[in-house]
Amino acid sequence: MKDRVRQLRTEKLGLTQKAFGQKIGLGTQAINDIEKGRNALTDRNIEAICNTFGVNPDWLRNGAGEIFLAEKNLDDKETLIRSVKSEFDLNDKETMLLRTFLNLEPQYRTGVLKFAEEFSKTMAAQMGVEYPERVEEPLQKTDSEMTLEEAHAQLDAEFGAKKRRNKGETLTSLVSTGTNGLSKKFWNSS
């Protein structure tokens, strides 16, 4: 079962041990111990994994059947990811990239998008293809137009960014900058 937990977390969900654990109410060390076989999954842990990620309990317990249950049991994000995977015929790596991107905090997504835009401009120039200078972005909602959930998400994102800045942590300290120095330019913009 430990190998299936690791496969689910890394290959199918694209989550770190910390992010995976947070979603099911366990710490990083507990996930590490489960994946190393030092601790067994409890029934409560199995239920949390299956309910949170739409995983087939038979697959998790004994490897039988499909990994995921039918889409009706999945949350909106996972349903969206599966829909995009199907519509655009994404392979597992492309799907994992999409899932990882969607699980990033908003300020990190902004850094990824800035890097991707610069990369796209460079590739377009090398291929002799015109790159559109501006893509219309949706207007930002005012505070009075936001739902309570949207306001909470924005506050959480802003608080998380401030908390990390106060600790002196930046994304460049978390990832390698082996992309000809381009990533450093974008990751530091929170």
N, C-alpha and C. Protein backbone atom coordinates (compact mmCIF):
# COMPACT_ATOMS: atom_id res chain seq x y z
N MET A 1 0.83 -1.19 0.00
CA MET A 1 0.00 0.00 0.00
C MET A 1 0.87 1.26 0.00
N LYS A 2 2.05 1.17 0.61
CA LYS A 2 2.94 2.33 0.68
C LYS A 2 3.34 2.82 -0.71
N ASP A 3 3.58 1.88 -1.63
CA ASP A 3 3.95 2.25 -2.99
C ASP A 3 2.80 2.93 -3.72
N ARG A 4 1.57 2.48 -3.45
CA ARG A 4 0.41 3.10 -4.09
C ARG A 4 0.20 4.52 -3.57
N VAL A 5 0.45 4.73 -2.28
CA VAL A 5 0.33 6.09 -1.72
C VAL A 5 1.34 7.01 -2.41
N ARG A 6 2.58 6.55 -2.53
CA ARG A 6 3.61 7.37 -3.18
C ARG A 6 3.26 7.61 -4.66
N GLN A 7 2.80 6.57 -5.36
CA GLN A 7 2.42 6.72 -6.76
C GLN A 7 1.28 7.73 -6.90
N LEU A 8 0.28 7.62 -6.06
CA LEU A 8 -0.84 8.55 -6.11
C LEU A 8 -0.37 9.98 -5.87
N ARG A 9 0.41 10.18 -4.83
CA ARG A 9 0.87 11.51 -4.45
C ARG A 9 1.75 12.15 -5.51
N THR A 10 2.72 11.39 -6.02
CA THR A 10 3.71 11.99 -6.94
C THR A 10 3.26 11.96 -8.40
N GLU A 11 2.85 10.78 -8.89
CA GLU A 11 2.55 10.63 -10.31
C GLU A 11 1.17 11.13 -10.70
N LYS A 12 0.19 10.91 -9.85
CA LYS A 12 -1.19 11.25 -10.21
C LYS A 12 -1.62 12.62 -9.71
N LEU A 13 -1.16 13.01 -8.51
CA LEU A 13 -1.59 14.28 -7.94
C LEU A 13 -0.53 15.36 -8.02
N GLY A 14 0.73 14.98 -8.15
CA GLY A 14 1.81 15.97 -8.24
C GLY A 14 1.96 16.81 -6.99
N LEU A 15 1.79 16.19 -5.83
CA LEU A 15 1.86 16.92 -4.57
C LEU A 15 3.10 16.55 -3.78
N THR A 16 3.59 17.49 -2.99
CA THR A 16 4.66 17.20 -2.05
C THR A 16 4.06 16.42 -0.88
N GLN A 17 4.92 15.82 -0.07
CA GLN A 17 4.43 15.13 1.12
C GLN A 17 3.70 16.10 2.03
N LYS A 18 4.22 17.31 2.15
CA LYS A 18 3.60 18.32 3.01
C LYS A 18 2.20 18.68 2.51
N ALA A 19 2.07 18.99 1.21
CA ALA A 19 0.77 19.38 0.65
C ALA A 19 -0.23 18.22 0.74
N PHE A 20 0.23 17.03 0.42
CA PHE A 20 -0.63 15.84 0.50
C PHE A 20 -1.13 15.65 1.93
N GLY A 21 -0.19 15.72 2.88
CA GLY A 21 -0.54 15.55 4.29
C GLY A 21 -1.51 16.60 4.78
N GLN A 22 -1.30 17.85 4.39
CA GLN A 22 -2.20 18.92 4.82
C GLN A 22 -3.62 18.66 4.36
N LYS A 23 -3.78 18.15 3.16
CA LYS A 23 -5.11 17.93 2.61
C LYS A 23 -5.86 16.80 3.33
N ILE A 24 -5.12 15.87 3.93
CA ILE A 24 -5.79 14.77 4.63
C ILE A 24 -5.58 14.82 6.15
N GLY A 25 -4.98 15.89 6.63
CA GLY A 25 -4.85 16.08 8.07
C GLY A 25 -3.68 15.35 8.71
N LEU A 26 -2.61 15.13 7.95
CA LEU A 26 -1.41 14.49 8.49
C LEU A 26 -0.19 15.37 8.25
N GLY A 27 0.83 15.20 9.06
CA GLY A 27 2.07 15.93 8.89
C GLY A 27 2.97 15.29 7.87
N THR A 28 4.00 16.03 7.48
CA THR A 28 4.96 15.54 6.49
C THR A 28 5.63 14.25 6.95
N GLN A 29 6.02 14.20 8.22
CA GLN A 29 6.72 13.02 8.73
C GLN A 29 5.81 11.79 8.70
N ALA A 30 4.52 11.99 9.01
CA ALA A 30 3.58 10.86 8.96
C ALA A 30 3.47 10.31 7.55
N ILE A 31 3.41 11.19 6.54
CA ILE A 31 3.34 10.73 5.14
C ILE A 31 4.63 10.01 4.78
N ASN A 32 5.77 10.56 5.20
CA ASN A 32 7.07 9.94 4.93
C ASN A 32 7.10 8.53 5.54
N ASP A 33 6.65 8.42 6.79
CA ASP A 33 6.65 7.11 7.46
C ASP A 33 5.73 6.12 6.76
N ILE A 34 4.59 6.58 6.26
CA ILE A 34 3.68 5.69 5.53
C ILE A 34 4.33 5.22 4.23
N GLU A 35 4.94 6.16 3.49
CA GLU A 35 5.56 5.80 2.21
C GLU A 35 6.79 4.91 2.39
N LYS A 36 7.47 5.03 3.51
CA LYS A 36 8.64 4.17 3.78
C LYS A 36 8.24 2.83 4.39
N GLY A 37 6.94 2.68 4.74
CA GLY A 37 6.48 1.43 5.33
C GLY A 37 6.70 1.34 6.83
N ARG A 38 7.11 2.43 7.46
CA ARG A 38 7.32 2.42 8.92
C ARG A 38 5.99 2.47 9.66
N ASN A 39 4.99 3.11 9.06
CA ASN A 39 3.63 3.16 9.63
C ASN A 39 2.64 2.71 8.57
N ALA A 40 1.62 1.98 9.02
CA ALA A 40 0.57 1.54 8.10
C ALA A 40 -0.52 2.62 8.04
N LEU A 41 -1.23 2.64 6.93
CA LEU A 41 -2.38 3.53 6.81
C LEU A 41 -3.50 3.04 7.72
N THR A 42 -4.10 3.94 8.46
CA THR A 42 -5.26 3.58 9.27
C THR A 42 -6.50 3.66 8.38
N ASP A 43 -7.59 3.09 8.86
CA ASP A 43 -8.85 3.19 8.12
C ASP A 43 -9.25 4.66 7.94
N ARG A 44 -9.00 5.48 8.97
CA ARG A 44 -9.32 6.90 8.88
C ARG A 44 -8.50 7.57 7.79
N ASN A 45 -7.20 7.23 7.69
CA ASN A 45 -6.33 7.79 6.65
C ASN A 45 -6.79 7.36 5.26
N ILE A 46 -7.15 6.11 5.12
CA ILE A 46 -7.63 5.60 3.83
C ILE A 46 -8.90 6.34 3.43
N GLU A 47 -9.81 6.51 4.37
CA GLU A 47 -11.06 7.23 4.10
C GLU A 47 -10.77 8.67 3.70
N ALA A 48 -9.83 9.32 4.40
CA ALA A 48 -9.49 10.71 4.08
C ALA A 48 -8.90 10.83 2.68
N ILE A 49 -8.01 9.93 2.32
CA ILE A 49 -7.39 9.95 0.99
C ILE A 49 -8.45 9.74 -0.08
N CYS A 50 -9.29 8.75 0.12
CA CYS A 50 -10.32 8.42 -0.88
C CYS A 50 -11.33 9.55 -1.03
N ASN A 51 -11.77 10.12 0.07
CA ASN A 51 -12.75 11.21 0.01
C ASN A 51 -12.15 12.49 -0.55
N THR A 52 -10.93 12.80 -0.18
CA THR A 52 -10.30 14.05 -0.61
C THR A 52 -9.93 14.02 -2.09
N PHE A 53 -9.41 12.91 -2.56
CA PHE A 53 -8.88 12.85 -3.93
C PHE A 53 -9.72 12.00 -4.89
N GLY A 54 -10.83 11.45 -4.42
CA GLY A 54 -11.66 10.64 -5.29
C GLY A 54 -11.02 9.31 -5.66
N VAL A 55 -10.26 8.75 -4.73
CA VAL A 55 -9.52 7.51 -4.99
C VAL A 55 -10.41 6.30 -4.69
N ASN A 56 -10.27 5.28 -5.50
CA ASN A 56 -10.97 4.02 -5.32
C ASN A 56 -10.34 3.29 -4.12
N PRO A 57 -11.11 3.04 -3.05
CA PRO A 57 -10.53 2.37 -1.87
C PRO A 57 -9.99 0.97 -2.17
N ASP A 58 -10.62 0.25 -3.11
CA ASP A 58 -10.11 -1.08 -3.48
C ASP A 58 -8.72 -0.98 -4.09
N TRP A 59 -8.51 0.07 -4.92
CA TRP A 59 -7.18 0.25 -5.50
C TRP A 59 -6.17 0.59 -4.42
N LEU A 60 -6.54 1.50 -3.51
CA LEU A 60 -5.60 1.91 -2.47
C LEU A 60 -5.24 0.75 -1.55
N ARG A 61 -6.23 -0.05 -1.18
CA ARG A 61 -5.97 -1.16 -0.26
C ARG A 61 -5.25 -2.34 -0.92
N ASN A 62 -5.68 -2.75 -2.13
CA ASN A 62 -5.09 -3.95 -2.74
C ASN A 62 -4.70 -3.81 -4.19
N GLY A 63 -4.75 -2.61 -4.76
CA GLY A 63 -4.33 -2.42 -6.15
C GLY A 63 -5.35 -2.87 -7.17
N ALA A 64 -6.59 -3.13 -6.74
CA ALA A 64 -7.62 -3.63 -7.66
C ALA A 64 -8.43 -2.48 -8.25
N GLY A 65 -8.69 -2.55 -9.55
CA GLY A 65 -9.55 -1.56 -10.20
C GLY A 65 -8.80 -0.30 -10.60
N GLU A 66 -9.59 0.69 -10.98
CA GLU A 66 -9.03 1.98 -11.39
C GLU A 66 -8.59 2.77 -10.16
N ILE A 67 -7.62 3.66 -10.36
CA ILE A 67 -7.12 4.48 -9.25
C ILE A 67 -8.22 5.42 -8.75
N PHE A 68 -8.89 6.09 -9.67
CA PHE A 68 -9.88 7.08 -9.28
C PHE A 68 -11.29 6.55 -9.48
N LEU A 69 -12.20 7.03 -8.63
CA LEU A 69 -13.61 6.71 -8.76
C LEU A 69 -14.22 7.54 -9.88
N ALA A 70 -15.48 7.30 -10.18
CA ALA A 70 -16.18 8.07 -11.20
C ALA A 70 -16.17 9.55 -10.81
N GLU A 71 -16.23 10.43 -11.81
CA GLU A 71 -16.11 11.87 -11.58
C GLU A 71 -17.13 12.45 -10.63
N LYS A 72 -18.28 11.83 -10.45
CA LYS A 72 -19.30 12.40 -9.57
C LYS A 72 -18.79 12.54 -8.14
N ASN A 73 -17.77 11.78 -7.75
CA ASN A 73 -17.26 11.85 -6.38
C ASN A 73 -16.07 12.80 -6.23
N LEU A 74 -15.65 13.45 -7.31
CA LEU A 74 -14.47 14.30 -7.26
C LEU A 74 -14.82 15.74 -6.97
N ASP A 75 -13.85 16.49 -6.43
CA ASP A 75 -14.08 17.91 -6.23
C ASP A 75 -14.00 18.64 -7.56
N ASP A 76 -14.39 19.90 -7.57
CA ASP A 76 -14.45 20.68 -8.81
C ASP A 76 -13.11 20.77 -9.52
N LYS A 77 -12.02 20.96 -8.77
CA LYS A 77 -10.71 21.10 -9.39
C LYS A 77 -10.30 19.82 -10.11
N GLU A 78 -10.49 18.70 -9.45
CA GLU A 78 -10.11 17.42 -10.06
C GLU A 78 -10.98 17.12 -11.28
N THR A 79 -12.26 17.45 -11.21
CA THR A 79 -13.15 17.26 -12.35
C THR A 79 -12.68 18.12 -13.52
N LEU A 80 -12.30 19.36 -13.25
CA LEU A 80 -11.79 20.25 -14.29
C LEU A 80 -10.53 19.69 -14.92
N ILE A 81 -9.61 19.22 -14.10
CA ILE A 81 -8.35 18.67 -14.59
C ILE A 81 -8.62 17.47 -15.51
N ARG A 82 -9.50 16.59 -15.09
CA ARG A 82 -9.82 15.42 -15.91
C ARG A 82 -10.49 15.82 -17.21
N SER A 83 -11.33 16.83 -17.15
CA SER A 83 -12.00 17.31 -18.36
C SER A 83 -10.99 17.88 -19.35
N VAL A 84 -10.05 18.69 -18.84
CA VAL A 84 -9.01 19.27 -19.70
C VAL A 84 -8.12 18.16 -20.26
N LYS A 85 -7.77 17.18 -19.41
CA LYS A 85 -6.95 16.07 -19.87
C LYS A 85 -7.62 15.34 -21.03
N SER A 86 -8.90 15.10 -20.89
CA SER A 86 -9.63 14.39 -21.94
C SER A 86 -9.77 15.23 -23.20
N GLU A 87 -10.17 16.50 -23.04
CA GLU A 87 -10.42 17.36 -24.20
C GLU A 87 -9.16 17.62 -25.01
N PHE A 88 -8.02 17.77 -24.33
CA PHE A 88 -6.77 18.11 -25.02
C PHE A 88 -5.83 16.92 -25.14
N ASP A 89 -6.30 15.73 -24.78
CA ASP A 89 -5.54 14.50 -24.90
C ASP A 89 -4.17 14.63 -24.22
N LEU A 90 -4.18 15.10 -22.96
CA LEU A 90 -2.93 15.27 -22.21
C LEU A 90 -2.42 13.92 -21.73
N ASN A 91 -1.10 13.77 -21.74
CA ASN A 91 -0.52 12.55 -21.18
C ASN A 91 -0.36 12.75 -19.66
N ASP A 92 0.15 11.74 -18.95
CA ASP A 92 0.24 11.81 -17.49
C ASP A 92 1.16 12.95 -17.02
N LYS A 93 2.28 13.16 -17.72
CA LYS A 93 3.19 14.24 -17.32
C LYS A 93 2.55 15.60 -17.51
N GLU A 94 1.85 15.79 -18.62
CA GLU A 94 1.17 17.07 -18.87
C GLU A 94 0.07 17.30 -17.83
N THR A 95 -0.63 16.24 -17.47
CA THR A 95 -1.68 16.35 -16.47
C THR A 95 -1.09 16.68 -15.11
N MET A 96 0.03 16.05 -14.77
CA MET A 96 0.68 16.33 -13.50
C MET A 96 1.16 17.79 -13.45
N LEU A 97 1.67 18.30 -14.58
CA LEU A 97 2.09 19.69 -14.64
C LEU A 97 0.91 20.63 -14.39
N LEU A 98 -0.22 20.35 -15.02
CA LEU A 98 -1.42 21.17 -14.83
C LEU A 98 -1.88 21.11 -13.38
N ARG A 99 -1.93 19.91 -12.81
CA ARG A 99 -2.37 19.75 -11.43
C ARG A 99 -1.43 20.48 -10.47
N THR A 100 -0.13 20.36 -10.71
CA THR A 100 0.85 21.04 -9.86
C THR A 100 0.67 22.55 -9.95
N PHE A 101 0.49 23.06 -11.16
CA PHE A 101 0.29 24.50 -11.36
C PHE A 101 -0.95 24.98 -10.60
N LEU A 102 -2.03 24.25 -10.70
CA LEU A 102 -3.27 24.66 -10.04
C LEU A 102 -3.16 24.58 -8.52
N ASN A 103 -2.27 23.74 -8.01
CA ASN A 103 -2.09 23.62 -6.57
C ASN A 103 -1.12 24.65 -6.00
N LEU A 104 -0.45 25.41 -6.87
CA LEU A 104 0.45 26.46 -6.39
C LEU A 104 -0.34 27.61 -5.79
N GLU A 105 0.29 28.32 -4.88
CA GLU A 105 -0.32 29.53 -4.35
C GLU A 105 -0.30 30.59 -5.45
N PRO A 106 -1.26 31.52 -5.43
CA PRO A 106 -1.41 32.49 -6.53
C PRO A 106 -0.13 33.25 -6.88
N GLN A 107 0.65 33.68 -5.91
CA GLN A 107 1.85 34.46 -6.24
C GLN A 107 2.88 33.61 -6.97
N TYR A 108 2.91 32.29 -6.70
CA TYR A 108 3.84 31.43 -7.40
C TYR A 108 3.35 31.15 -8.82
N ARG A 109 2.02 31.05 -8.98
CA ARG A 109 1.47 30.89 -10.32
C ARG A 109 1.84 32.08 -11.19
N THR A 110 1.80 33.28 -10.60
CA THR A 110 2.17 34.49 -11.34
C THR A 110 3.61 34.39 -11.82
N GLY A 111 4.51 33.93 -10.97
CA GLY A 111 5.91 33.76 -11.37
C GLY A 111 6.06 32.76 -12.50
N VAL A 112 5.33 31.65 -12.42
CA VAL A 112 5.38 30.64 -13.48
C VAL A 112 4.87 31.23 -14.79
N LEU A 113 3.77 31.98 -14.73
CA LEU A 113 3.21 32.57 -15.94
C LEU A 113 4.14 33.59 -16.57
N LYS A 114 4.81 34.39 -15.73
CA LYS A 114 5.76 35.37 -16.27
C LYS A 114 6.92 34.66 -16.97
N PHE A 115 7.41 33.60 -16.35
CA PHE A 115 8.48 32.82 -16.96
C PHE A 115 8.01 32.20 -18.28
N ALA A 116 6.81 31.62 -18.28
CA ALA A 116 6.28 30.99 -19.49
C ALA A 116 6.08 32.02 -20.60
N GLU A 117 5.65 33.22 -20.24
CA GLU A 117 5.46 34.26 -21.25
C GLU A 117 6.80 34.64 -21.88
N GLU A 118 7.81 34.82 -21.07
CA GLU A 118 9.13 35.17 -21.60
C GLU A 118 9.69 34.04 -22.46
N PHE A 119 9.51 32.82 -22.00
CA PHE A 119 9.95 31.65 -22.76
C PHE A 119 9.22 31.59 -24.11
N SER A 120 7.91 31.84 -24.10
CA SER A 120 7.11 31.81 -25.33
C SER A 120 7.56 32.88 -26.31
N LYS A 121 7.87 34.06 -25.80
CA LYS A 121 8.36 35.15 -26.66
C LYS A 121 9.67 34.75 -27.32
N THR A 122 10.56 34.17 -26.55
CA THR A 122 11.85 33.74 -27.08
C THR A 122 11.66 32.67 -28.15
N MET A 123 10.80 31.68 -27.87
CA MET A 123 10.57 30.61 -28.84
C MET A 123 9.89 31.16 -30.11
N ALA A 124 8.94 32.07 -29.95
CA ALA A 124 8.26 32.65 -31.12
C ALA A 124 9.26 33.39 -31.99
N ALA A 125 10.16 34.15 -31.36
CA ALA A 125 11.17 34.88 -32.12
C ALA A 125 12.09 33.93 -32.87
N GLN A 126 12.52 32.85 -32.23
CA GLN A 126 13.39 31.89 -32.88
C GLN A 126 12.71 31.15 -34.02
N MET A 127 11.39 30.97 -33.91
CA MET A 127 10.64 30.25 -34.94
C MET A 127 10.07 31.20 -35.99
N GLY A 128 10.25 32.51 -35.78
CA GLY A 128 9.74 33.48 -36.73
C GLY A 128 8.23 33.61 -36.70
N VAL A 129 7.63 33.36 -35.53
CA VAL A 129 6.19 33.43 -35.35
C VAL A 129 5.87 34.69 -34.56
N GLU A 130 4.78 35.35 -34.91
CA GLU A 130 4.38 36.57 -34.18
C GLU A 130 3.83 36.19 -32.81
N TYR A 131 4.29 36.91 -31.81
CA TYR A 131 3.80 36.69 -30.45
C TYR A 131 2.84 37.82 -30.11
N PRO A 132 1.63 37.50 -29.65
CA PRO A 132 0.69 38.58 -29.31
C PRO A 132 1.19 39.36 -28.10
N GLU A 133 1.25 40.65 -28.22
CA GLU A 133 1.78 41.48 -27.14
C GLU A 133 0.86 41.58 -25.94
N ARG A 134 -0.42 41.49 -26.16
CA ARG A 134 -1.34 41.65 -25.03
C ARG A 134 -2.47 40.64 -25.13
N VAL A 135 -2.73 40.00 -24.04
CA VAL A 135 -3.88 39.11 -23.92
C VAL A 135 -4.82 39.78 -22.94
N GLU A 136 -6.07 39.93 -23.35
CA GLU A 136 -7.03 40.59 -22.47
C GLU A 136 -7.21 39.77 -21.21
N GLU A 137 -7.03 40.41 -20.06
CA GLU A 137 -7.23 39.76 -18.78
C GLU A 137 -8.58 40.17 -18.23
N PRO A 138 -9.23 39.28 -17.50
CA PRO A 138 -10.50 39.67 -16.90
C PRO A 138 -10.28 40.79 -15.88
N LEU A 139 -11.25 41.65 -15.74
CA LEU A 139 -11.15 42.73 -14.78
C LEU A 139 -11.15 42.16 -13.37
N GLN A 140 -10.35 42.78 -12.50
CA GLN A 140 -10.33 42.37 -11.10
C GLN A 140 -11.64 42.77 -10.45
N LYS A 141 -12.16 41.93 -9.60
CA LYS A 141 -13.38 42.26 -8.88
C LYS A 141 -13.05 43.22 -7.74
N THR A 142 -13.97 44.12 -7.47
CA THR A 142 -13.82 44.99 -6.30
C THR A 142 -14.21 44.19 -5.08
N ASP A 143 -13.86 44.71 -3.90
CA ASP A 143 -14.19 44.01 -2.66
C ASP A 143 -15.69 43.73 -2.55
N SER A 144 -16.52 44.68 -2.97
CA SER A 144 -17.97 44.50 -2.84
C SER A 144 -18.51 43.47 -3.83
N GLU A 145 -17.77 43.17 -4.91
CA GLU A 145 -18.22 42.20 -5.90
C GLU A 145 -17.79 40.77 -5.57
N MET A 146 -16.84 40.61 -4.65
CA MET A 146 -16.32 39.29 -4.30
C MET A 146 -17.29 38.53 -3.41
N THR A 147 -17.30 37.22 -3.61
CA THR A 147 -18.03 36.36 -2.67
C THR A 147 -17.17 36.24 -1.42
N LEU A 148 -17.76 35.75 -0.37
CA LEU A 148 -17.02 35.57 0.87
C LEU A 148 -15.85 34.61 0.66
N GLU A 149 -16.06 33.55 -0.12
CA GLU A 149 -14.99 32.57 -0.39
C GLU A 149 -13.84 33.21 -1.16
N GLU A 150 -14.17 34.06 -2.16
CA GLU A 150 -13.12 34.73 -2.94
C GLU A 150 -12.32 35.69 -2.06
N ALA A 151 -13.02 36.40 -1.18
CA ALA A 151 -12.33 37.33 -0.27
C ALA A 151 -11.41 36.58 0.67
N HIS A 152 -11.89 35.45 1.19
CA HIS A 152 -11.04 34.63 2.08
C HIS A 152 -9.82 34.11 1.33
N ALA A 153 -10.00 33.64 0.10
CA ALA A 153 -8.87 33.12 -0.70
C ALA A 153 -7.85 34.22 -0.95
N GLN A 154 -8.32 35.42 -1.26
CA GLN A 154 -7.40 36.53 -1.51
C GLN A 154 -6.64 36.89 -0.24
N LEU A 155 -7.34 36.95 0.89
CA LEU A 155 -6.67 37.26 2.16
C LEU A 155 -5.67 36.17 2.52
N ASP A 156 -6.05 34.91 2.33
CA ASP A 156 -5.13 33.81 2.62
C ASP A 156 -3.87 33.92 1.77
N ALA A 157 -4.04 34.23 0.48
CA ALA A 157 -2.89 34.37 -0.43
C ALA A 157 -2.01 35.53 0.01
N GLU A 158 -2.62 36.67 0.34
CA GLU A 158 -1.84 37.83 0.76
C GLU A 158 -1.13 37.57 2.08
N PHE A 159 -1.82 36.93 3.04
CA PHE A 159 -1.21 36.65 4.33
C PHE A 159 -0.07 35.66 4.17
N GLY A 160 -0.28 34.63 3.34
CA GLY A 160 0.77 33.63 3.12
C GLY A 160 2.01 34.25 2.50
N ALA A 161 1.82 35.16 1.53
CA ALA A 161 2.96 35.82 0.89
C ALA A 161 3.70 36.69 1.91
N LYS A 162 2.96 37.43 2.72
CA LYS A 162 3.58 38.30 3.73
C LYS A 162 4.34 37.46 4.75
N LYS A 163 3.73 36.36 5.16
CA LYS A 163 4.36 35.48 6.16
C LYS A 163 5.69 34.94 5.63
N ARG A 164 5.71 34.50 4.34
CA ARG A 164 6.95 33.99 3.75
C ARG A 164 7.99 35.09 3.61
N ARG A 165 7.55 36.31 3.20
CA ARG A 165 8.50 37.41 3.07
C ARG A 165 9.13 37.73 4.42
N ASN A 166 8.31 37.69 5.47
CA ASN A 166 8.83 37.97 6.81
C ASN A 166 9.85 36.93 7.24
N LYS A 167 9.69 35.72 6.78
CA LYS A 167 10.66 34.67 7.09
C LYS A 167 11.87 34.75 6.18
N GLY A 168 11.81 35.61 5.16
CA GLY A 168 12.92 35.73 4.22
C GLY A 168 12.95 34.64 3.18
N GLU A 169 11.85 33.93 3.03
CA GLU A 169 11.79 32.82 2.08
C GLU A 169 11.26 33.31 0.75
N THR A 170 11.93 32.96 -0.32
CA THR A 170 11.43 33.26 -1.65
C THR A 170 11.39 31.97 -2.44
N LEU A 171 10.69 31.98 -3.52
CA LEU A 171 10.60 30.77 -4.32
C LEU A 171 11.96 30.37 -4.87
N THR A 172 12.85 31.34 -5.12
CA THR A 172 14.16 30.97 -5.64
C THR A 172 14.94 30.15 -4.63
N SER A 173 14.61 30.30 -3.34
CA SER A 173 15.30 29.47 -2.37
C SER A 173 14.72 28.06 -2.35
N LEU A 174 13.58 27.87 -3.01
CA LEU A 174 12.92 26.58 -3.01
C LEU A 174 13.16 25.78 -4.28
N VAL A 175 13.49 26.46 -5.38
CA VAL A 175 13.67 25.76 -6.65
C VAL A 175 15.02 26.08 -7.25
N SER A 176 15.46 25.23 -8.14
CA SER A 176 16.71 25.46 -8.85
C SER A 176 16.53 26.55 -9.90
N THR A 177 17.57 27.33 -10.13
CA THR A 177 17.49 28.37 -11.17
C THR A 177 18.37 27.96 -12.35
N GLY A 178 18.17 26.76 -12.81
CA GLY A 178 18.99 26.25 -13.90
C GLY A 178 18.45 26.57 -15.28
N THR A 179 17.63 27.59 -15.43
CA THR A 179 17.05 27.91 -16.73
C THR A 179 17.68 29.18 -17.27
N ASN A 180 19.01 29.16 -17.43
CA ASN A 180 19.76 30.30 -17.96
C ASN A 180 19.51 31.57 -17.18
N GLY A 181 19.22 31.45 -15.88
CA GLY A 181 19.03 32.62 -15.04
C GLY A 181 17.69 33.30 -15.21
N LEU A 182 16.86 32.85 -16.16
CA LEU A 182 15.57 33.51 -16.38
C LEU A 182 14.65 33.38 -15.19
N SER A 183 14.67 32.21 -14.53
CA SER A 183 13.71 32.01 -13.46
C SER A 183 13.93 32.99 -12.32
N LYS A 184 15.18 33.34 -12.03
CA LYS A 184 15.45 34.26 -10.93
C LYS A 184 14.71 35.57 -11.12
N LYS A 185 14.65 36.03 -12.36
CA LYS A 185 13.98 37.28 -12.69
C LYS A 185 12.50 37.23 -12.32
N PHE A 186 11.86 36.09 -12.45
CA PHE A 186 10.41 35.99 -12.28
C PHE A 186 9.99 35.50 -10.91
N TRP A 187 10.75 34.58 -10.31
CA TRP A 187 10.35 34.01 -9.03
C TRP A 187 10.38 35.04 -7.92
N ASN A 188 11.25 36.03 -8.02
CA ASN A 188 11.37 36.99 -6.94
C ASN A 188 10.28 38.03 -6.94
N SER A 189 9.35 37.99 -7.88
CA SER A 189 8.31 39.00 -7.93
C SER A 189 7.06 38.48 -7.26
N SER A 190 6.94 38.73 -5.94
CA SER A 190 5.71 38.29 -5.27
C SER A 190 4.84 39.48 -5.00
